[in-house]
Amino acid sequence: MDLPEGSEVPELVLVFSGKRKSGKDFVTDRIQRRLGSEVCGILRLSGPLKQQYAQEHGLDLDQLLGSGPYKERYRADMIHWGETRRLQDPGFFCRLATRGIRQPVWSADLICYGIGQVVSDARRLSDLQWFRSKFPRQTQCVRVQSSEETRMQRGWSFTAGVDDAESECGLDSGVQFDWIITNEGDAPSLDEQLQPILKLAEEASSSSSSSSSSISRS
């Protein structure tokens, strides 16, 4: 298996997807707090994309990583640029995001690397396919969903060229999710919904620790 330099094979990869303002980051941050940063690493695919885009276009990375009007000014072009790079190399941003990750659980957006890694913002089928092809045993796909009304209360409003682009709609259909988290006020509590995922991650962490102990004794 070819991994980016400095990375280790994870025991569990949680790939998260969901619409803008659905609460993906809130959910993945909550998982990392419960497991600890030494066990769970969060991969945000948007971070490497914005960094590469800023480098190639001479832009302010800190402002692109923020939530202000600067990012919104470049959002549509950044999406188009990102799609072009993915067509040339579908795994380009996934490889950047996983570089140097050593925890056993990964959480990626798409989601979880390390003992566990969390991929917090998967957005396209090609992202999910990359993780499933590299880590078929470890990858679990999680969808975070909220109603449009709830998302509007959190500050979302429809933007043409953004909310109807593949970056927002690429995983709306044709994907079998392993877990669906409903992030609404009238839904079961997040702690209750996340319990089976946390149990799975804790088991992955224990498995990794046992393997490391066996290696150190041999």
N, C-alpha and C. Protein backbone atom coordinates (compact mmCIF):
# COMPACT_ATOMS: atom_id res chain seq x y z
N MET A 1 0.84 -1.20 0.00
CA MET A 1 0.00 0.00 0.00
C MET A 1 0.87 1.25 0.00
N ASP A 2 0.66 2.16 -0.95
CA ASP A 2 1.44 3.39 -1.02
C ASP A 2 0.79 4.46 -0.16
N LEU A 3 1.51 4.91 0.88
CA LEU A 3 1.02 5.96 1.76
C LEU A 3 1.92 7.17 1.63
N PRO A 4 1.36 8.38 1.85
CA PRO A 4 2.20 9.56 1.86
C PRO A 4 3.30 9.45 2.91
N GLU A 5 4.43 10.10 2.68
CA GLU A 5 5.56 10.04 3.60
C GLU A 5 5.15 10.45 5.00
N GLY A 6 5.55 9.65 6.00
CA GLY A 6 5.28 9.97 7.40
C GLY A 6 3.96 9.45 7.91
N SER A 7 3.14 8.83 7.05
CA SER A 7 1.84 8.33 7.47
C SER A 7 1.94 6.86 7.88
N GLU A 8 1.00 6.42 8.71
CA GLU A 8 0.92 5.02 9.10
C GLU A 8 -0.45 4.48 8.74
N VAL A 9 -0.53 3.17 8.52
CA VAL A 9 -1.79 2.54 8.14
C VAL A 9 -2.78 2.65 9.29
N PRO A 10 -3.96 3.21 9.07
CA PRO A 10 -4.94 3.38 10.15
C PRO A 10 -5.70 2.09 10.45
N GLU A 11 -6.27 2.01 11.63
CA GLU A 11 -7.15 0.90 11.99
C GLU A 11 -8.59 1.19 11.60
N LEU A 12 -8.94 2.47 11.52
CA LEU A 12 -10.31 2.88 11.18
C LEU A 12 -10.28 4.22 10.47
N VAL A 13 -11.04 4.32 9.38
CA VAL A 13 -11.16 5.58 8.65
C VAL A 13 -12.64 5.94 8.57
N LEU A 14 -13.03 7.02 9.23
CA LEU A 14 -14.41 7.50 9.21
C LEU A 14 -14.49 8.65 8.22
N VAL A 15 -15.23 8.44 7.15
CA VAL A 15 -15.34 9.48 6.13
C VAL A 15 -16.70 10.16 6.27
N PHE A 16 -16.68 11.45 6.58
CA PHE A 16 -17.91 12.20 6.82
C PHE A 16 -18.26 13.06 5.61
N SER A 17 -19.54 13.10 5.30
CA SER A 17 -20.02 14.00 4.26
C SER A 17 -21.33 14.64 4.73
N GLY A 18 -21.68 15.75 4.08
CA GLY A 18 -22.91 16.45 4.43
C GLY A 18 -22.92 17.83 3.79
N LYS A 19 -24.08 18.44 3.76
CA LYS A 19 -24.24 19.76 3.15
C LYS A 19 -23.58 20.85 4.00
N ARG A 20 -23.41 22.02 3.39
CA ARG A 20 -22.92 23.17 4.16
C ARG A 20 -23.85 23.46 5.32
N LYS A 21 -23.27 23.75 6.48
CA LYS A 21 -24.00 24.06 7.71
C LYS A 21 -24.79 22.86 8.25
N SER A 22 -24.44 21.66 7.80
CA SER A 22 -25.08 20.47 8.39
C SER A 22 -24.45 20.13 9.74
N GLY A 23 -23.24 20.64 9.98
CA GLY A 23 -22.58 20.41 11.26
C GLY A 23 -21.51 19.33 11.23
N LYS A 24 -20.92 19.08 10.04
CA LYS A 24 -19.88 18.04 9.94
C LYS A 24 -18.71 18.32 10.88
N ASP A 25 -18.21 19.56 10.84
CA ASP A 25 -17.05 19.89 11.67
C ASP A 25 -17.38 19.74 13.16
N PHE A 26 -18.58 20.16 13.54
CA PHE A 26 -19.01 20.05 14.93
C PHE A 26 -19.00 18.59 15.37
N VAL A 27 -19.51 17.71 14.51
CA VAL A 27 -19.59 16.29 14.84
C VAL A 27 -18.20 15.67 14.92
N THR A 28 -17.35 15.95 13.94
CA THR A 28 -16.02 15.33 13.94
C THR A 28 -15.15 15.87 15.08
N ASP A 29 -15.30 17.16 15.40
CA ASP A 29 -14.57 17.71 16.55
C ASP A 29 -15.02 17.03 17.85
N ARG A 30 -16.30 16.75 17.92
CA ARG A 30 -16.84 16.10 19.13
C ARG A 30 -16.26 14.69 19.27
N ILE A 31 -16.14 13.98 18.16
CA ILE A 31 -15.57 12.64 18.18
C ILE A 31 -14.11 12.70 18.63
N GLN A 32 -13.36 13.66 18.08
CA GLN A 32 -11.95 13.76 18.47
C GLN A 32 -11.80 14.10 19.95
N ARG A 33 -12.66 14.96 20.47
CA ARG A 33 -12.59 15.30 21.90
C ARG A 33 -12.85 14.06 22.75
N ARG A 34 -13.78 13.22 22.34
CA ARG A 34 -14.10 12.02 23.11
C ARG A 34 -12.97 11.00 23.07
N LEU A 35 -12.32 10.86 21.91
CA LEU A 35 -11.29 9.84 21.74
C LEU A 35 -9.90 10.34 22.13
N GLY A 36 -9.68 11.66 21.98
CA GLY A 36 -8.36 12.22 22.23
C GLY A 36 -7.58 12.37 20.94
N SER A 37 -6.81 13.44 20.83
CA SER A 37 -6.08 13.72 19.60
C SER A 37 -4.96 12.74 19.33
N GLU A 38 -4.51 12.01 20.38
CA GLU A 38 -3.46 11.02 20.16
C GLU A 38 -4.02 9.76 19.50
N VAL A 39 -5.33 9.58 19.58
CA VAL A 39 -5.98 8.42 18.98
C VAL A 39 -6.63 8.77 17.64
N CYS A 40 -7.26 9.93 17.58
CA CYS A 40 -8.06 10.31 16.41
C CYS A 40 -7.50 11.55 15.73
N GLY A 41 -7.17 11.42 14.46
CA GLY A 41 -6.73 12.55 13.66
C GLY A 41 -7.80 12.96 12.68
N ILE A 42 -8.02 14.27 12.52
CA ILE A 42 -9.04 14.78 11.60
C ILE A 42 -8.39 15.24 10.31
N LEU A 43 -8.89 14.72 9.20
CA LEU A 43 -8.42 15.13 7.88
C LEU A 43 -9.47 16.01 7.24
N ARG A 44 -9.12 17.23 6.94
CA ARG A 44 -10.05 18.12 6.26
C ARG A 44 -9.54 18.31 4.84
N LEU A 45 -10.25 17.71 3.88
CA LEU A 45 -9.79 17.76 2.50
C LEU A 45 -9.78 19.18 1.95
N SER A 46 -10.61 20.05 2.53
CA SER A 46 -10.67 21.42 2.02
C SER A 46 -9.40 22.20 2.37
N GLY A 47 -8.70 21.81 3.45
CA GLY A 47 -7.50 22.53 3.84
C GLY A 47 -6.40 22.47 2.80
N PRO A 48 -5.98 21.25 2.38
CA PRO A 48 -4.96 21.16 1.33
C PRO A 48 -5.39 21.80 0.02
N LEU A 49 -6.68 21.70 -0.30
CA LEU A 49 -7.18 22.33 -1.52
C LEU A 49 -6.97 23.85 -1.46
N LYS A 50 -7.37 24.46 -0.35
CA LYS A 50 -7.23 25.91 -0.21
C LYS A 50 -5.77 26.33 -0.17
N GLN A 51 -4.93 25.52 0.46
CA GLN A 51 -3.51 25.84 0.51
C GLN A 51 -2.89 25.83 -0.88
N GLN A 52 -3.21 24.79 -1.67
CA GLN A 52 -2.67 24.69 -3.01
C GLN A 52 -3.21 25.81 -3.90
N TYR A 53 -4.51 26.10 -3.75
CA TYR A 53 -5.14 27.17 -4.54
C TYR A 53 -4.50 28.53 -4.21
N ALA A 54 -4.26 28.78 -2.93
CA ALA A 54 -3.65 30.04 -2.52
C ALA A 54 -2.24 30.18 -3.08
N GLN A 55 -1.48 29.08 -3.05
CA GLN A 55 -0.12 29.11 -3.57
C GLN A 55 -0.10 29.42 -5.06
N GLU A 56 -0.99 28.78 -5.80
CA GLU A 56 -0.99 28.93 -7.26
C GLU A 56 -1.56 30.27 -7.71
N HIS A 57 -2.37 30.91 -6.85
CA HIS A 57 -3.01 32.16 -7.26
C HIS A 57 -2.52 33.37 -6.46
N GLY A 58 -1.53 33.17 -5.58
CA GLY A 58 -0.99 34.29 -4.82
C GLY A 58 -1.98 34.93 -3.87
N LEU A 59 -2.77 34.10 -3.17
CA LEU A 59 -3.82 34.61 -2.29
C LEU A 59 -3.45 34.41 -0.82
N ASP A 60 -4.23 35.03 0.06
CA ASP A 60 -4.02 34.96 1.50
C ASP A 60 -4.67 33.68 2.04
N LEU A 61 -3.84 32.71 2.42
CA LEU A 61 -4.36 31.42 2.88
C LEU A 61 -5.19 31.57 4.15
N ASP A 62 -4.74 32.39 5.10
CA ASP A 62 -5.48 32.54 6.36
C ASP A 62 -6.91 33.01 6.10
N GLN A 63 -7.07 33.94 5.17
CA GLN A 63 -8.42 34.44 4.87
C GLN A 63 -9.24 33.39 4.11
N LEU A 64 -8.59 32.59 3.27
CA LEU A 64 -9.31 31.51 2.59
C LEU A 64 -9.78 30.46 3.57
N LEU A 65 -9.03 30.26 4.65
CA LEU A 65 -9.41 29.28 5.66
C LEU A 65 -10.48 29.81 6.61
N GLY A 66 -10.72 31.12 6.57
CA GLY A 66 -11.72 31.73 7.44
C GLY A 66 -13.12 31.61 6.88
N SER A 67 -14.04 32.36 7.46
CA SER A 67 -15.46 32.27 7.06
C SER A 67 -15.99 33.61 6.55
N GLY A 68 -15.10 34.53 6.24
CA GLY A 68 -15.52 35.87 5.83
C GLY A 68 -15.73 36.02 4.33
N PRO A 69 -15.98 37.26 3.88
CA PRO A 69 -16.27 37.54 2.48
C PRO A 69 -15.10 37.25 1.53
N TYR A 70 -13.87 37.26 2.04
CA TYR A 70 -12.71 36.98 1.19
C TYR A 70 -12.83 35.58 0.58
N LYS A 71 -13.15 34.59 1.42
CA LYS A 71 -13.31 33.22 0.92
C LYS A 71 -14.46 33.13 -0.06
N GLU A 72 -15.58 33.79 0.27
CA GLU A 72 -16.75 33.72 -0.60
C GLU A 72 -16.47 34.32 -1.97
N ARG A 73 -15.58 35.32 -2.03
CA ARG A 73 -15.24 35.96 -3.30
C ARG A 73 -14.59 34.97 -4.26
N TYR A 74 -13.84 34.00 -3.71
CA TYR A 74 -13.10 33.07 -4.55
C TYR A 74 -13.71 31.67 -4.58
N ARG A 75 -14.79 31.45 -3.83
CA ARG A 75 -15.32 30.10 -3.65
C ARG A 75 -15.64 29.42 -4.99
N ALA A 76 -16.41 30.08 -5.85
CA ALA A 76 -16.84 29.45 -7.10
C ALA A 76 -15.65 29.07 -7.98
N ASP A 77 -14.68 30.00 -8.10
CA ASP A 77 -13.50 29.71 -8.92
C ASP A 77 -12.66 28.60 -8.29
N MET A 78 -12.58 28.60 -6.96
CA MET A 78 -11.81 27.57 -6.26
C MET A 78 -12.43 26.19 -6.49
N ILE A 79 -13.76 26.13 -6.50
CA ILE A 79 -14.46 24.87 -6.76
C ILE A 79 -14.13 24.39 -8.18
N HIS A 80 -14.22 25.29 -9.15
CA HIS A 80 -13.92 24.92 -10.54
C HIS A 80 -12.47 24.45 -10.67
N TRP A 81 -11.54 25.16 -10.03
CA TRP A 81 -10.13 24.80 -10.07
C TRP A 81 -9.91 23.42 -9.44
N GLY A 82 -10.58 23.17 -8.31
CA GLY A 82 -10.44 21.89 -7.64
C GLY A 82 -10.96 20.74 -8.48
N GLU A 83 -12.08 20.96 -9.18
CA GLU A 83 -12.63 19.91 -10.04
C GLU A 83 -11.67 19.58 -11.15
N THR A 84 -11.03 20.61 -11.71
CA THR A 84 -10.07 20.39 -12.79
C THR A 84 -8.89 19.54 -12.32
N ARG A 85 -8.38 19.86 -11.10
CA ARG A 85 -7.27 19.07 -10.55
C ARG A 85 -7.68 17.63 -10.29
N ARG A 86 -8.91 17.43 -9.81
CA ARG A 86 -9.37 16.07 -9.53
C ARG A 86 -9.54 15.26 -10.81
N LEU A 87 -9.97 15.91 -11.89
CA LEU A 87 -10.09 15.21 -13.16
C LEU A 87 -8.72 14.74 -13.64
N GLN A 88 -7.71 15.54 -13.40
CA GLN A 88 -6.35 15.19 -13.79
C GLN A 88 -5.78 14.10 -12.89
N ASP A 89 -6.13 14.15 -11.58
CA ASP A 89 -5.57 13.24 -10.60
C ASP A 89 -6.57 13.10 -9.45
N PRO A 90 -7.49 12.10 -9.50
CA PRO A 90 -8.56 11.99 -8.50
C PRO A 90 -8.08 11.90 -7.05
N GLY A 91 -6.88 11.38 -6.82
CA GLY A 91 -6.41 11.23 -5.44
C GLY A 91 -5.51 12.35 -4.95
N PHE A 92 -5.38 13.43 -5.73
CA PHE A 92 -4.42 14.49 -5.43
C PHE A 92 -4.62 15.08 -4.03
N PHE A 93 -5.84 15.54 -3.73
CA PHE A 93 -6.09 16.20 -2.45
C PHE A 93 -6.15 15.21 -1.30
N CYS A 94 -6.59 13.98 -1.57
CA CYS A 94 -6.61 12.96 -0.52
C CYS A 94 -5.20 12.64 -0.05
N ARG A 95 -4.26 12.54 -0.99
CA ARG A 95 -2.88 12.26 -0.61
C ARG A 95 -2.29 13.41 0.21
N LEU A 96 -2.59 14.65 -0.19
CA LEU A 96 -2.10 15.79 0.58
C LEU A 96 -2.66 15.77 2.00
N ALA A 97 -3.95 15.43 2.13
CA ALA A 97 -4.61 15.47 3.44
C ALA A 97 -4.09 14.39 4.38
N THR A 98 -3.64 13.26 3.84
CA THR A 98 -3.21 12.15 4.69
C THR A 98 -1.71 12.19 5.00
N ARG A 99 -1.00 13.15 4.46
CA ARG A 99 0.45 13.22 4.67
C ARG A 99 0.79 13.46 6.15
N GLY A 100 1.61 12.58 6.71
CA GLY A 100 2.08 12.76 8.08
C GLY A 100 1.11 12.34 9.17
N ILE A 101 -0.02 11.74 8.81
CA ILE A 101 -1.01 11.33 9.81
C ILE A 101 -0.59 9.99 10.42
N ARG A 102 -0.53 9.93 11.75
CA ARG A 102 0.00 8.75 12.42
C ARG A 102 -0.98 8.13 13.43
N GLN A 103 -2.10 8.78 13.73
CA GLN A 103 -3.04 8.21 14.68
C GLN A 103 -3.71 6.96 14.09
N PRO A 104 -4.23 6.09 14.95
CA PRO A 104 -4.87 4.86 14.46
C PRO A 104 -6.28 5.07 13.92
N VAL A 105 -6.94 6.17 14.34
CA VAL A 105 -8.30 6.45 13.84
C VAL A 105 -8.24 7.73 13.02
N TRP A 106 -8.75 7.68 11.80
CA TRP A 106 -8.78 8.87 10.94
C TRP A 106 -10.22 9.31 10.76
N SER A 107 -10.45 10.61 10.85
CA SER A 107 -11.77 11.16 10.59
C SER A 107 -11.64 12.16 9.47
N ALA A 108 -12.32 11.93 8.37
CA ALA A 108 -12.15 12.77 7.20
C ALA A 108 -13.43 13.47 6.81
N ASP A 109 -13.23 14.72 6.33
CA ASP A 109 -14.33 15.58 5.88
C ASP A 109 -14.21 15.77 4.38
N LEU A 110 -14.37 14.88 3.30
CA LEU A 110 -15.10 13.68 3.42
C LEU A 110 -14.95 13.52 4.73
N ILE A 111 -13.36 12.62 6.26
CA ILE A 111 -13.50 11.91 7.42
C ILE A 111 -12.68 11.63 8.39
N CYS A 112 -11.36 9.42 9.27
CA CYS A 112 -10.54 9.18 10.46
C CYS A 112 -9.28 8.42 10.12
N TYR A 113 -8.02 8.98 10.31
CA TYR A 113 -6.76 8.27 10.12
C TYR A 113 -5.97 8.17 11.42
N GLY A 114 -4.93 7.33 11.47
CA GLY A 114 -4.04 7.12 12.57
C GLY A 114 -4.41 5.80 13.19
N ILE A 115 -4.50 5.65 14.67
CA ILE A 115 -5.19 4.45 15.16
C ILE A 115 -6.55 4.57 14.52
N GLY A 116 -6.95 5.86 14.50
CA GLY A 116 -8.15 6.15 13.81
C GLY A 116 -8.02 7.50 13.16
N GLN A 117 -8.60 7.63 11.97
CA GLN A 117 -8.59 8.89 11.28
C GLN A 117 -10.02 9.27 10.94
N VAL A 118 -10.30 10.56 11.02
CA VAL A 118 -11.61 11.06 10.67
C VAL A 118 -11.47 11.99 9.48
N VAL A 119 -12.13 11.67 8.39
CA VAL A 119 -12.14 12.54 7.22
C VAL A 119 -13.42 13.36 7.33
N SER A 120 -13.27 14.65 7.58
CA SER A 120 -14.42 15.42 8.02
C SER A 120 -15.25 16.00 6.88
N ASP A 121 -14.73 16.02 5.64
CA ASP A 121 -15.48 16.72 4.60
C ASP A 121 -15.37 16.10 3.23
N ALA A 122 -15.67 14.83 3.12
CA ALA A 122 -15.69 14.20 1.82
C ALA A 122 -16.81 14.84 1.00
N ARG A 123 -16.55 15.17 -0.26
CA ARG A 123 -17.53 15.90 -1.04
C ARG A 123 -17.85 15.26 -2.37
N ARG A 124 -17.00 14.39 -2.83
CA ARG A 124 -17.19 13.81 -4.16
C ARG A 124 -17.03 12.31 -4.08
N LEU A 125 -17.66 11.62 -5.02
CA LEU A 125 -17.57 10.17 -5.05
C LEU A 125 -16.12 9.74 -5.23
N SER A 126 -15.33 10.52 -5.98
CA SER A 126 -13.92 10.16 -6.19
C SER A 126 -13.15 10.19 -4.87
N ASP A 127 -13.50 11.11 -3.96
CA ASP A 127 -12.85 11.15 -2.64
C ASP A 127 -13.12 9.85 -1.88
N LEU A 128 -14.39 9.48 -1.82
CA LEU A 128 -14.78 8.28 -1.10
C LEU A 128 -14.16 7.04 -1.73
N GLN A 129 -14.16 6.99 -3.06
CA GLN A 129 -13.59 5.84 -3.76
C GLN A 129 -12.10 5.71 -3.46
N TRP A 130 -11.40 6.84 -3.30
CA TRP A 130 -9.96 6.78 -3.00
C TRP A 130 -9.73 6.12 -1.65
N PHE A 131 -10.47 6.54 -0.63
CA PHE A 131 -10.30 5.95 0.70
C PHE A 131 -10.70 4.48 0.71
N ARG A 132 -11.79 4.16 0.02
CA ARG A 132 -12.23 2.76 -0.01
C ARG A 132 -11.25 1.88 -0.77
N SER A 133 -10.58 2.41 -1.78
CA SER A 133 -9.62 1.62 -2.53
C SER A 133 -8.32 1.43 -1.74
N LYS A 134 -7.90 2.47 -0.98
CA LYS A 134 -6.67 2.39 -0.21
C LYS A 134 -6.87 1.63 1.10
N PHE A 135 -8.05 1.79 1.72
CA PHE A 135 -8.32 1.19 3.04
C PHE A 135 -9.69 0.50 3.03
N PRO A 136 -9.84 -0.55 2.24
CA PRO A 136 -11.16 -1.19 2.09
C PRO A 136 -11.71 -1.76 3.39
N ARG A 137 -10.83 -2.30 4.24
CA ARG A 137 -11.29 -2.89 5.50
C ARG A 137 -11.64 -1.83 6.53
N GLN A 138 -10.91 -0.72 6.52
CA GLN A 138 -11.02 0.27 7.59
C GLN A 138 -12.08 1.34 7.35
N THR A 139 -12.46 1.59 6.09
CA THR A 139 -13.27 2.77 5.78
C THR A 139 -14.75 2.58 6.10
N GLN A 140 -15.30 3.54 6.84
CA GLN A 140 -16.73 3.62 7.14
C GLN A 140 -17.22 5.00 6.71
N CYS A 141 -18.35 5.04 6.03
CA CYS A 141 -18.87 6.31 5.50
C CYS A 141 -20.02 6.81 6.36
N VAL A 142 -19.91 8.08 6.80
CA VAL A 142 -20.90 8.66 7.71
C VAL A 142 -21.51 9.91 7.05
N ARG A 143 -22.83 9.99 7.03
CA ARG A 143 -23.53 11.15 6.49
C ARG A 143 -24.11 11.96 7.64
N VAL A 144 -23.82 13.26 7.65
CA VAL A 144 -24.42 14.17 8.62
C VAL A 144 -25.48 14.98 7.89
N GLN A 145 -26.70 14.96 8.39
CA GLN A 145 -27.79 15.63 7.69
C GLN A 145 -28.57 16.56 8.61
N SER A 146 -29.02 17.67 8.02
CA SER A 146 -29.88 18.64 8.69
C SER A 146 -30.85 19.19 7.66
N SER A 147 -32.00 19.63 8.10
CA SER A 147 -32.99 20.20 7.19
C SER A 147 -32.51 21.55 6.68
N GLU A 148 -33.07 22.00 5.55
CA GLU A 148 -32.73 23.32 5.02
C GLU A 148 -33.08 24.41 6.03
N GLU A 149 -34.20 24.24 6.73
CA GLU A 149 -34.62 25.23 7.73
C GLU A 149 -33.56 25.38 8.82
N THR A 150 -33.06 24.25 9.32
CA THR A 150 -32.04 24.28 10.37
C THR A 150 -30.75 24.89 9.84
N ARG A 151 -30.38 24.54 8.62
CA ARG A 151 -29.15 25.07 8.03
C ARG A 151 -29.26 26.58 7.82
N MET A 152 -30.45 27.06 7.46
CA MET A 152 -30.66 28.50 7.31
C MET A 152 -30.52 29.21 8.64
N GLN A 153 -30.99 28.58 9.71
CA GLN A 153 -30.86 29.16 11.04
C GLN A 153 -29.38 29.26 11.45
N ARG A 154 -28.56 28.41 10.86
CA ARG A 154 -27.12 28.43 11.14
C ARG A 154 -26.36 29.36 10.20
N GLY A 155 -27.08 30.04 9.30
CA GLY A 155 -26.44 31.02 8.43
C GLY A 155 -26.31 30.62 6.98
N TRP A 156 -26.89 29.46 6.60
CA TRP A 156 -26.80 29.02 5.21
C TRP A 156 -27.84 29.70 4.34
N SER A 157 -27.45 30.02 3.11
CA SER A 157 -28.40 30.45 2.09
C SER A 157 -27.91 29.90 0.76
N PHE A 158 -28.84 29.55 -0.11
CA PHE A 158 -28.48 28.92 -1.39
C PHE A 158 -27.65 29.87 -2.24
N THR A 159 -26.53 29.35 -2.78
CA THR A 159 -25.68 30.12 -3.68
C THR A 159 -25.48 29.33 -4.96
N ALA A 160 -25.96 29.87 -6.07
CA ALA A 160 -25.81 29.19 -7.36
C ALA A 160 -24.33 29.05 -7.70
N GLY A 161 -23.98 27.89 -8.26
CA GLY A 161 -22.59 27.62 -8.58
C GLY A 161 -21.81 27.03 -7.43
N VAL A 162 -22.42 27.03 -6.24
CA VAL A 162 -21.79 26.44 -5.06
C VAL A 162 -22.66 25.29 -4.55
N ASP A 163 -23.90 25.62 -4.17
CA ASP A 163 -24.77 24.60 -3.58
C ASP A 163 -25.34 23.62 -4.61
N ASP A 164 -25.21 23.93 -5.90
CA ASP A 164 -25.63 22.98 -6.93
C ASP A 164 -24.43 22.39 -7.66
N ALA A 165 -23.22 22.59 -7.13
CA ALA A 165 -22.01 22.03 -7.73
C ALA A 165 -21.72 20.65 -7.13
N GLU A 166 -20.81 19.92 -7.78
CA GLU A 166 -20.48 18.58 -7.30
C GLU A 166 -19.91 18.60 -5.90
N SER A 167 -19.25 19.70 -5.54
CA SER A 167 -18.66 19.79 -4.20
C SER A 167 -19.72 19.71 -3.11
N GLU A 168 -20.98 20.04 -3.43
CA GLU A 168 -22.07 19.95 -2.46
C GLU A 168 -23.02 18.80 -2.74
N CYS A 169 -23.09 18.36 -4.00
CA CYS A 169 -24.11 17.38 -4.39
C CYS A 169 -23.54 16.03 -4.81
N GLY A 170 -22.19 15.91 -4.86
CA GLY A 170 -21.58 14.71 -5.40
C GLY A 170 -21.89 13.43 -4.64
N LEU A 171 -22.27 13.55 -3.36
CA LEU A 171 -22.55 12.36 -2.55
C LEU A 171 -24.01 12.30 -2.11
N ASP A 172 -24.86 13.04 -2.82
CA ASP A 172 -26.28 13.06 -2.46
C ASP A 172 -27.00 11.77 -2.85
N SER A 173 -26.48 11.05 -3.82
CA SER A 173 -27.13 9.81 -4.26
C SER A 173 -26.06 8.82 -4.71
N GLY A 174 -26.45 7.56 -4.78
CA GLY A 174 -25.54 6.52 -5.25
C GLY A 174 -24.52 6.06 -4.24
N VAL A 175 -24.67 6.47 -2.98
CA VAL A 175 -23.72 6.09 -1.93
C VAL A 175 -24.46 5.36 -0.82
N GLN A 176 -23.93 4.21 -0.43
CA GLN A 176 -24.51 3.48 0.71
C GLN A 176 -23.72 3.87 1.96
N PHE A 177 -24.36 4.65 2.82
CA PHE A 177 -23.70 5.12 4.04
C PHE A 177 -23.77 4.06 5.13
N ASP A 178 -22.68 3.93 5.86
CA ASP A 178 -22.66 2.99 6.98
C ASP A 178 -23.40 3.56 8.19
N TRP A 179 -23.37 4.91 8.32
CA TRP A 179 -24.02 5.58 9.44
C TRP A 179 -24.64 6.88 8.94
N ILE A 180 -25.80 7.24 9.48
CA ILE A 180 -26.43 8.52 9.19
C ILE A 180 -26.69 9.24 10.51
N ILE A 181 -26.12 10.44 10.65
CA ILE A 181 -26.28 11.23 11.86
C ILE A 181 -27.21 12.40 11.55
N THR A 182 -28.30 12.53 12.30
CA THR A 182 -29.23 13.63 12.11
C THR A 182 -28.93 14.71 13.13
N ASN A 183 -28.43 15.84 12.64
CA ASN A 183 -28.00 16.92 13.52
C ASN A 183 -29.09 17.99 13.60
N GLU A 184 -30.16 17.66 14.33
CA GLU A 184 -31.33 18.53 14.50
C GLU A 184 -31.68 18.62 15.97
N GLY A 185 -32.35 19.71 16.33
CA GLY A 185 -32.74 19.88 17.73
C GLY A 185 -33.71 18.83 18.22
N ASP A 186 -34.59 18.32 17.34
CA ASP A 186 -35.61 17.36 17.77
C ASP A 186 -35.19 15.92 17.50
N ALA A 187 -33.94 15.70 17.07
CA ALA A 187 -33.44 14.35 16.82
C ALA A 187 -32.87 13.78 18.11
N PRO A 188 -32.62 12.46 18.16
CA PRO A 188 -31.93 11.91 19.33
C PRO A 188 -30.61 12.64 19.55
N SER A 189 -30.14 12.69 20.78
CA SER A 189 -28.93 13.44 21.09
C SER A 189 -27.76 12.92 20.28
N LEU A 190 -26.80 13.82 19.99
CA LEU A 190 -25.62 13.41 19.23
C LEU A 190 -24.85 12.33 19.98
N ASP A 191 -24.76 12.46 21.30
CA ASP A 191 -24.04 11.45 22.08
C ASP A 191 -24.65 10.07 21.86
N GLU A 192 -25.97 10.02 21.83
CA GLU A 192 -26.65 8.74 21.61
C GLU A 192 -26.39 8.21 20.21
N GLN A 193 -26.46 9.09 19.21
CA GLN A 193 -26.25 8.66 17.82
C GLN A 193 -24.79 8.26 17.56
N LEU A 194 -23.86 8.92 18.24
CA LEU A 194 -22.44 8.65 18.01
C LEU A 194 -21.91 7.47 18.80
N GLN A 195 -22.69 6.97 19.74
CA GLN A 195 -22.20 5.91 20.62
C GLN A 195 -21.66 4.69 19.87
N PRO A 196 -22.39 4.14 18.87
CA PRO A 196 -21.83 2.96 18.18
C PRO A 196 -20.57 3.28 17.37
N ILE A 197 -20.47 4.51 16.86
CA ILE A 197 -19.26 4.90 16.12
C ILE A 197 -18.08 5.02 17.08
N LEU A 198 -18.33 5.63 18.23
CA LEU A 198 -17.28 5.77 19.23
C LEU A 198 -16.81 4.40 19.74
N LYS A 199 -17.75 3.48 19.90
CA LYS A 199 -17.39 2.13 20.34
C LYS A 199 -16.49 1.46 19.32
N LEU A 200 -16.84 1.63 18.03
CA LEU A 200 -16.03 1.06 16.96
C LEU A 200 -14.62 1.66 16.97
N ALA A 201 -14.54 2.97 17.18
CA ALA A 201 -13.25 3.65 17.20
C ALA A 201 -12.41 3.20 18.40
N GLU A 202 -13.06 3.03 19.55
CA GLU A 202 -12.33 2.59 20.74
C GLU A 202 -11.80 1.17 20.56
N GLU A 203 -12.58 0.32 19.88
CA GLU A 203 -12.12 -1.03 19.59
C GLU A 203 -10.93 -1.00 18.64
N ALA A 204 -10.98 -0.09 17.65
CA ALA A 204 -9.86 0.05 16.70
C ALA A 204 -8.61 0.52 17.42
N SER A 205 -8.80 1.46 18.35
CA SER A 205 -7.67 1.97 19.13
C SER A 205 -7.05 0.87 19.98
N SER A 206 -7.89 0.06 20.61
CA SER A 206 -7.39 -1.03 21.45
C SER A 206 -6.64 -2.05 20.61
N SER A 207 -7.15 -2.33 19.41
CA SER A 207 -6.49 -3.26 18.51
C SER A 207 -5.11 -2.77 18.12
N SER A 208 -5.02 -1.46 17.84
CA SER A 208 -3.74 -0.87 17.46
C SER A 208 -2.75 -0.92 18.62
N SER A 209 -3.24 -0.63 19.82
CA SER A 209 -2.37 -0.65 21.00
C SER A 209 -1.85 -2.06 21.26
N SER A 210 -2.71 -3.06 21.10
CA SER A 210 -2.31 -4.45 21.31
C SER A 210 -1.26 -4.87 20.30
N SER A 211 -1.45 -4.44 19.04
CA SER A 211 -0.50 -4.78 17.99
C SER A 211 0.85 -4.16 18.26
N SER A 212 0.84 -2.88 18.73
CA SER A 212 2.09 -2.20 19.03
C SER A 212 2.82 -2.87 20.17
N SER A 213 2.08 -3.32 21.19
CA SER A 213 2.70 -3.97 22.34
C SER A 213 3.34 -5.30 21.92
N SER A 214 2.66 -6.03 21.04
CA SER A 214 3.19 -7.31 20.58
C SER A 214 4.49 -7.13 19.81
N ILE A 215 4.52 -6.07 18.99
CA ILE A 215 5.72 -5.78 18.19
C ILE A 215 6.87 -5.40 19.09
N SER A 216 6.59 -4.57 20.12
CA SER A 216 7.65 -4.10 21.01
C SER A 216 8.23 -5.25 21.84
N ARG A 217 7.42 -6.30 22.14
CA ARG A 217 7.90 -7.42 22.93
C ARG A 217 8.67 -8.43 22.09
N SER A 218 8.44 -8.42 20.77
CA SER A 218 9.07 -9.43 19.91
C SER A 218 10.52 -9.08 19.61
